[in-house]
Amino acid sequence: MATIPTFAALRSSSVTVLAAGVATDVDIATGGAKAITVSILNSGANPITALSVATIPVALAGNARAVSTGLPLAASGRLTITLVDEPCTTLRLTLTSTAGSSATIEAVGQ
């Protein structure tokens, strides 16, 4: 599982390698942000084929929501997700690439 450093009204960035066919969790520590925008850039050669997003309040993970719009995310493609009025300590992205790829994930929140 990859982890992006905590932010509060700051921007974070991370590159995550996606092994072929393996769902990979990326946790973004939000510092309690209530509004978060995440941009996922497919920086690999193969499509990202699945994505889910979950907010984690204080201790327990919220229900993951599957994202289908914009998938598969082709090489060099970018997908932006915005969450508003969902305060959380962590935002968990679960990404899968059936053929393997990498993703550059940027997040900002306040």
N, C-alpha and C. Protein backbone atom coordinates (compact mmCIF):
# COMPACT_ATOMS: atom_id res chain seq x y z
N MET A 1 0.85 -1.16 0.00
CA MET A 1 0.00 0.00 0.00
C MET A 1 0.90 1.23 0.00
N ALA A 2 0.63 2.15 -0.92
CA ALA A 2 1.37 3.40 -0.98
C ALA A 2 0.68 4.42 -0.08
N THR A 3 1.46 5.34 0.46
CA THR A 3 0.91 6.39 1.31
C THR A 3 1.44 7.73 0.86
N ILE A 4 0.55 8.69 0.75
CA ILE A 4 0.93 10.06 0.42
C ILE A 4 0.96 10.84 1.73
N PRO A 5 1.94 11.70 1.94
CA PRO A 5 2.05 12.43 3.20
C PRO A 5 0.81 13.27 3.54
N THR A 6 0.63 13.55 4.82
CA THR A 6 -0.48 14.36 5.31
C THR A 6 -0.42 15.76 4.70
N PHE A 7 -1.58 16.32 4.44
CA PHE A 7 -1.64 17.71 3.97
C PHE A 7 -2.83 18.40 4.60
N ALA A 8 -2.74 19.68 4.68
CA ALA A 8 -3.85 20.53 5.12
C ALA A 8 -3.74 21.78 4.28
N ALA A 9 -4.58 21.90 3.28
CA ALA A 9 -4.54 22.99 2.32
C ALA A 9 -3.21 23.01 1.57
N LEU A 10 -2.60 21.84 1.44
CA LEU A 10 -1.36 21.70 0.68
C LEU A 10 -1.57 20.71 -0.44
N ARG A 11 -0.63 20.65 -1.32
CA ARG A 11 -0.70 19.70 -2.42
C ARG A 11 0.27 18.55 -2.17
N SER A 12 -0.17 17.33 -2.41
CA SER A 12 0.68 16.15 -2.27
C SER A 12 0.75 15.44 -3.61
N SER A 13 1.84 14.74 -3.84
CA SER A 13 2.00 14.01 -5.09
C SER A 13 2.77 12.72 -4.83
N SER A 14 2.41 11.67 -5.57
CA SER A 14 3.05 10.37 -5.40
C SER A 14 2.91 9.57 -6.69
N VAL A 15 3.92 8.75 -7.01
CA VAL A 15 3.84 7.83 -8.13
C VAL A 15 3.69 6.43 -7.56
N THR A 16 2.70 5.68 -8.04
CA THR A 16 2.43 4.33 -7.56
C THR A 16 2.53 3.36 -8.73
N VAL A 17 3.31 2.30 -8.54
CA VAL A 17 3.42 1.24 -9.55
C VAL A 17 2.27 0.27 -9.34
N LEU A 18 1.58 -0.06 -10.43
CA LEU A 18 0.44 -0.98 -10.38
C LEU A 18 0.85 -2.30 -11.04
N ALA A 19 0.99 -3.34 -10.23
CA ALA A 19 1.31 -4.67 -10.77
C ALA A 19 0.11 -5.18 -11.56
N ALA A 20 0.36 -5.96 -12.58
CA ALA A 20 -0.70 -6.47 -13.44
C ALA A 20 -1.73 -7.26 -12.64
N GLY A 21 -3.00 -6.84 -12.75
CA GLY A 21 -4.11 -7.56 -12.14
C GLY A 21 -4.22 -7.47 -10.64
N VAL A 22 -3.42 -6.64 -9.99
CA VAL A 22 -3.42 -6.54 -8.53
C VAL A 22 -4.04 -5.22 -8.09
N ALA A 23 -5.09 -5.29 -7.27
CA ALA A 23 -5.70 -4.07 -6.73
C ALA A 23 -4.72 -3.46 -5.73
N THR A 24 -4.39 -2.19 -5.94
CA THR A 24 -3.39 -1.51 -5.12
C THR A 24 -4.04 -0.35 -4.37
N ASP A 25 -3.94 -0.38 -3.03
CA ASP A 25 -4.48 0.71 -2.21
C ASP A 25 -3.48 1.84 -2.11
N VAL A 26 -3.98 3.06 -2.23
CA VAL A 26 -3.18 4.26 -2.00
C VAL A 26 -3.92 5.08 -0.96
N ASP A 27 -3.33 5.26 0.21
CA ASP A 27 -3.93 6.03 1.29
C ASP A 27 -3.38 7.44 1.28
N ILE A 28 -4.27 8.42 1.30
CA ILE A 28 -3.89 9.82 1.35
C ILE A 28 -4.34 10.37 2.69
N ALA A 29 -3.39 10.71 3.55
CA ALA A 29 -3.72 11.29 4.85
C ALA A 29 -4.16 12.73 4.62
N THR A 30 -5.38 13.07 5.06
CA THR A 30 -5.95 14.38 4.72
C THR A 30 -5.92 15.38 5.86
N GLY A 31 -5.59 14.93 7.06
CA GLY A 31 -5.56 15.86 8.17
C GLY A 31 -6.93 16.42 8.51
N GLY A 32 -7.99 15.68 8.18
CA GLY A 32 -9.35 16.13 8.48
C GLY A 32 -9.95 17.06 7.45
N ALA A 33 -9.38 17.14 6.27
CA ALA A 33 -9.91 18.02 5.23
C ALA A 33 -11.36 17.67 4.92
N LYS A 34 -12.17 18.69 4.63
CA LYS A 34 -13.58 18.48 4.29
C LYS A 34 -13.82 18.52 2.79
N ALA A 35 -12.89 19.09 2.05
CA ALA A 35 -13.00 19.15 0.58
C ALA A 35 -11.67 18.68 0.01
N ILE A 36 -11.73 17.70 -0.88
CA ILE A 36 -10.53 17.08 -1.42
C ILE A 36 -10.69 16.93 -2.93
N THR A 37 -9.65 17.25 -3.67
CA THR A 37 -9.62 16.97 -5.10
C THR A 37 -8.41 16.10 -5.37
N VAL A 38 -8.64 15.00 -6.06
CA VAL A 38 -7.58 14.05 -6.39
C VAL A 38 -7.50 13.93 -7.90
N SER A 39 -6.30 14.02 -8.43
CA SER A 39 -6.07 13.85 -9.86
C SER A 39 -5.22 12.61 -10.05
N ILE A 40 -5.68 11.71 -10.91
CA ILE A 40 -4.96 10.47 -11.18
C ILE A 40 -4.52 10.52 -12.64
N LEU A 41 -3.22 10.53 -12.85
CA LEU A 41 -2.66 10.52 -14.19
C LEU A 41 -2.09 9.13 -14.45
N ASN A 42 -2.52 8.48 -15.51
CA ASN A 42 -1.94 7.19 -15.87
C ASN A 42 -0.58 7.48 -16.48
N SER A 43 0.48 7.29 -15.71
CA SER A 43 1.83 7.60 -16.18
C SER A 43 2.54 6.34 -16.70
N GLY A 44 1.77 5.27 -16.87
CA GLY A 44 2.32 4.04 -17.43
C GLY A 44 1.85 3.83 -18.86
N ALA A 45 2.15 2.66 -19.40
CA ALA A 45 1.85 2.35 -20.80
C ALA A 45 0.52 1.65 -21.00
N ASN A 46 -0.04 1.05 -19.93
CA ASN A 46 -1.27 0.27 -20.06
C ASN A 46 -2.41 0.95 -19.30
N PRO A 47 -3.67 0.66 -19.67
CA PRO A 47 -4.81 1.30 -19.03
C PRO A 47 -4.95 0.94 -17.55
N ILE A 48 -5.45 1.90 -16.78
CA ILE A 48 -5.92 1.61 -15.42
C ILE A 48 -7.37 1.20 -15.60
N THR A 49 -7.72 0.02 -15.14
CA THR A 49 -9.02 -0.56 -15.49
C THR A 49 -10.05 -0.53 -14.39
N ALA A 50 -9.65 -0.27 -13.15
CA ALA A 50 -10.62 -0.21 -12.06
C ALA A 50 -10.14 0.79 -11.01
N LEU A 51 -11.11 1.43 -10.36
CA LEU A 51 -10.80 2.41 -9.33
C LEU A 51 -11.96 2.47 -8.36
N SER A 52 -11.67 2.50 -7.07
CA SER A 52 -12.70 2.78 -6.08
C SER A 52 -12.14 3.81 -5.11
N VAL A 53 -13.06 4.54 -4.46
CA VAL A 53 -12.70 5.61 -3.54
C VAL A 53 -13.44 5.38 -2.23
N ALA A 54 -12.72 5.46 -1.11
CA ALA A 54 -13.35 5.35 0.20
C ALA A 54 -12.81 6.45 1.09
N THR A 55 -13.67 7.02 1.92
CA THR A 55 -13.22 7.96 2.94
C THR A 55 -13.15 7.23 4.27
N ILE A 56 -12.14 7.54 5.04
CA ILE A 56 -11.98 6.90 6.34
C ILE A 56 -12.10 7.99 7.40
N PRO A 57 -13.21 7.97 8.16
CA PRO A 57 -13.37 9.00 9.18
C PRO A 57 -12.29 8.90 10.25
N VAL A 58 -12.60 8.68 11.46
CA VAL A 58 -11.59 8.63 12.51
C VAL A 58 -10.95 7.26 12.62
N ALA A 59 -11.73 6.19 12.62
CA ALA A 59 -11.15 4.87 12.85
C ALA A 59 -11.57 3.83 11.83
N LEU A 60 -12.80 3.88 11.34
CA LEU A 60 -13.31 2.84 10.46
C LEU A 60 -13.41 3.33 9.02
N ALA A 61 -13.10 2.46 8.10
CA ALA A 61 -13.20 2.83 6.69
C ALA A 61 -14.66 2.96 6.28
N GLY A 62 -14.95 3.98 5.48
CA GLY A 62 -16.29 4.12 4.91
C GLY A 62 -16.46 3.13 3.77
N ASN A 63 -17.65 3.06 3.24
CA ASN A 63 -17.91 2.16 2.12
C ASN A 63 -17.19 2.67 0.87
N ALA A 64 -16.49 1.77 0.22
CA ALA A 64 -15.81 2.13 -1.03
C ALA A 64 -16.84 2.31 -2.12
N ARG A 65 -16.63 3.31 -2.95
CA ARG A 65 -17.52 3.57 -4.09
C ARG A 65 -16.74 3.31 -5.37
N ALA A 66 -17.25 2.41 -6.18
CA ALA A 66 -16.60 2.11 -7.45
C ALA A 66 -16.77 3.29 -8.40
N VAL A 67 -15.72 3.58 -9.13
CA VAL A 67 -15.75 4.63 -10.14
C VAL A 67 -15.74 3.94 -11.49
N SER A 68 -16.69 4.28 -12.34
CA SER A 68 -16.70 3.68 -13.67
C SER A 68 -16.54 4.73 -14.76
N THR A 69 -16.98 5.94 -14.50
CA THR A 69 -16.84 7.01 -15.48
C THR A 69 -15.36 7.30 -15.69
N GLY A 70 -14.95 7.32 -16.93
CA GLY A 70 -13.56 7.63 -17.25
C GLY A 70 -12.63 6.42 -17.26
N LEU A 71 -13.18 5.23 -17.04
CA LEU A 71 -12.36 4.02 -17.04
C LEU A 71 -12.73 3.15 -18.23
N PRO A 72 -11.82 2.43 -18.83
CA PRO A 72 -10.42 2.37 -18.47
C PRO A 72 -9.72 3.71 -18.76
N LEU A 73 -8.75 4.04 -17.93
CA LEU A 73 -7.97 5.27 -18.07
C LEU A 73 -6.73 4.94 -18.88
N ALA A 74 -6.73 5.40 -20.13
CA ALA A 74 -5.65 5.07 -21.06
C ALA A 74 -4.32 5.70 -20.62
N ALA A 75 -3.24 5.20 -21.18
CA ALA A 75 -1.92 5.77 -20.92
C ALA A 75 -1.97 7.26 -21.19
N SER A 76 -1.39 8.04 -20.30
CA SER A 76 -1.35 9.51 -20.34
C SER A 76 -2.70 10.15 -20.04
N GLY A 77 -3.74 9.35 -19.78
CA GLY A 77 -5.05 9.91 -19.43
C GLY A 77 -5.07 10.40 -18.00
N ARG A 78 -5.97 11.35 -17.72
CA ARG A 78 -6.08 11.91 -16.37
C ARG A 78 -7.54 11.88 -15.95
N LEU A 79 -7.78 11.53 -14.68
CA LEU A 79 -9.11 11.50 -14.09
C LEU A 79 -9.06 12.31 -12.82
N THR A 80 -10.03 13.21 -12.63
CA THR A 80 -10.08 14.05 -11.43
C THR A 80 -11.33 13.72 -10.65
N ILE A 81 -11.17 13.56 -9.35
CA ILE A 81 -12.27 13.24 -8.44
C ILE A 81 -12.31 14.33 -7.37
N THR A 82 -13.50 14.88 -7.11
CA THR A 82 -13.65 15.90 -6.07
C THR A 82 -14.66 15.43 -5.05
N LEU A 83 -14.30 15.50 -3.79
CA LEU A 83 -15.20 15.18 -2.68
C LEU A 83 -15.42 16.46 -1.89
N VAL A 84 -16.68 16.76 -1.56
CA VAL A 84 -17.01 17.97 -0.81
C VAL A 84 -17.88 17.56 0.37
N ASP A 85 -17.66 18.21 1.51
CA ASP A 85 -18.42 17.95 2.74
C ASP A 85 -18.32 16.50 3.19
N GLU A 86 -17.14 15.91 3.04
CA GLU A 86 -16.88 14.56 3.52
C GLU A 86 -15.60 14.58 4.35
N PRO A 87 -15.67 15.16 5.57
CA PRO A 87 -14.45 15.22 6.38
C PRO A 87 -13.92 13.82 6.68
N CYS A 88 -12.63 13.66 6.54
CA CYS A 88 -12.03 12.35 6.78
C CYS A 88 -10.58 12.53 7.16
N THR A 89 -10.01 11.51 7.77
CA THR A 89 -8.59 11.54 8.09
C THR A 89 -7.76 10.92 6.97
N THR A 90 -8.40 10.05 6.18
CA THR A 90 -7.70 9.36 5.10
C THR A 90 -8.65 9.17 3.92
N LEU A 91 -8.12 9.33 2.73
CA LEU A 91 -8.84 9.00 1.51
C LEU A 91 -8.12 7.81 0.91
N ARG A 92 -8.83 6.70 0.68
CA ARG A 92 -8.22 5.49 0.13
C ARG A 92 -8.67 5.29 -1.31
N LEU A 93 -7.70 5.26 -2.22
CA LEU A 93 -7.95 4.91 -3.62
C LEU A 93 -7.50 3.48 -3.80
N THR A 94 -8.28 2.68 -4.49
CA THR A 94 -7.87 1.33 -4.84
C THR A 94 -7.85 1.26 -6.36
N LEU A 95 -6.66 1.11 -6.93
CA LEU A 95 -6.48 1.12 -8.38
C LEU A 95 -6.05 -0.25 -8.87
N THR A 96 -6.51 -0.60 -10.06
CA THR A 96 -6.12 -1.86 -10.68
C THR A 96 -5.81 -1.61 -12.15
N SER A 97 -4.77 -2.25 -12.64
CA SER A 97 -4.45 -2.26 -14.06
C SER A 97 -4.27 -3.72 -14.44
N THR A 98 -5.12 -4.24 -15.32
CA THR A 98 -5.03 -5.67 -15.65
C THR A 98 -3.70 -6.03 -16.30
N ALA A 99 -3.05 -5.08 -16.99
CA ALA A 99 -1.78 -5.36 -17.65
C ALA A 99 -0.59 -4.75 -16.93
N GLY A 100 -0.82 -4.04 -15.83
CA GLY A 100 0.26 -3.38 -15.10
C GLY A 100 0.48 -1.97 -15.64
N SER A 101 0.71 -1.02 -14.77
CA SER A 101 0.92 0.37 -15.17
C SER A 101 1.49 1.12 -13.99
N SER A 102 1.45 2.42 -14.03
CA SER A 102 1.78 3.25 -12.88
C SER A 102 0.86 4.45 -12.90
N ALA A 103 0.66 5.05 -11.73
CA ALA A 103 -0.23 6.19 -11.62
C ALA A 103 0.46 7.29 -10.82
N THR A 104 0.38 8.51 -11.32
CA THR A 104 0.85 9.67 -10.58
C THR A 104 -0.39 10.28 -9.94
N ILE A 105 -0.40 10.33 -8.61
CA ILE A 105 -1.58 10.78 -7.89
C ILE A 105 -1.25 12.08 -7.18
N GLU A 106 -2.05 13.10 -7.44
CA GLU A 106 -1.89 14.40 -6.80
C GLU A 106 -3.17 14.69 -6.03
N ALA A 107 -3.02 15.27 -4.85
CA ALA A 107 -4.19 15.58 -4.03
C ALA A 107 -4.02 16.93 -3.38
N VAL A 108 -5.14 17.62 -3.23
CA VAL A 108 -5.16 18.89 -2.51
C VAL A 108 -6.44 18.94 -1.71
N GLY A 109 -6.40 19.52 -0.54
CA GLY A 109 -7.60 19.58 0.28
C GLY A 109 -7.51 20.69 1.29
N GLN A 110 -8.66 20.98 1.88
CA GLN A 110 -8.71 21.98 2.94
C GLN A 110 -9.83 21.68 3.89
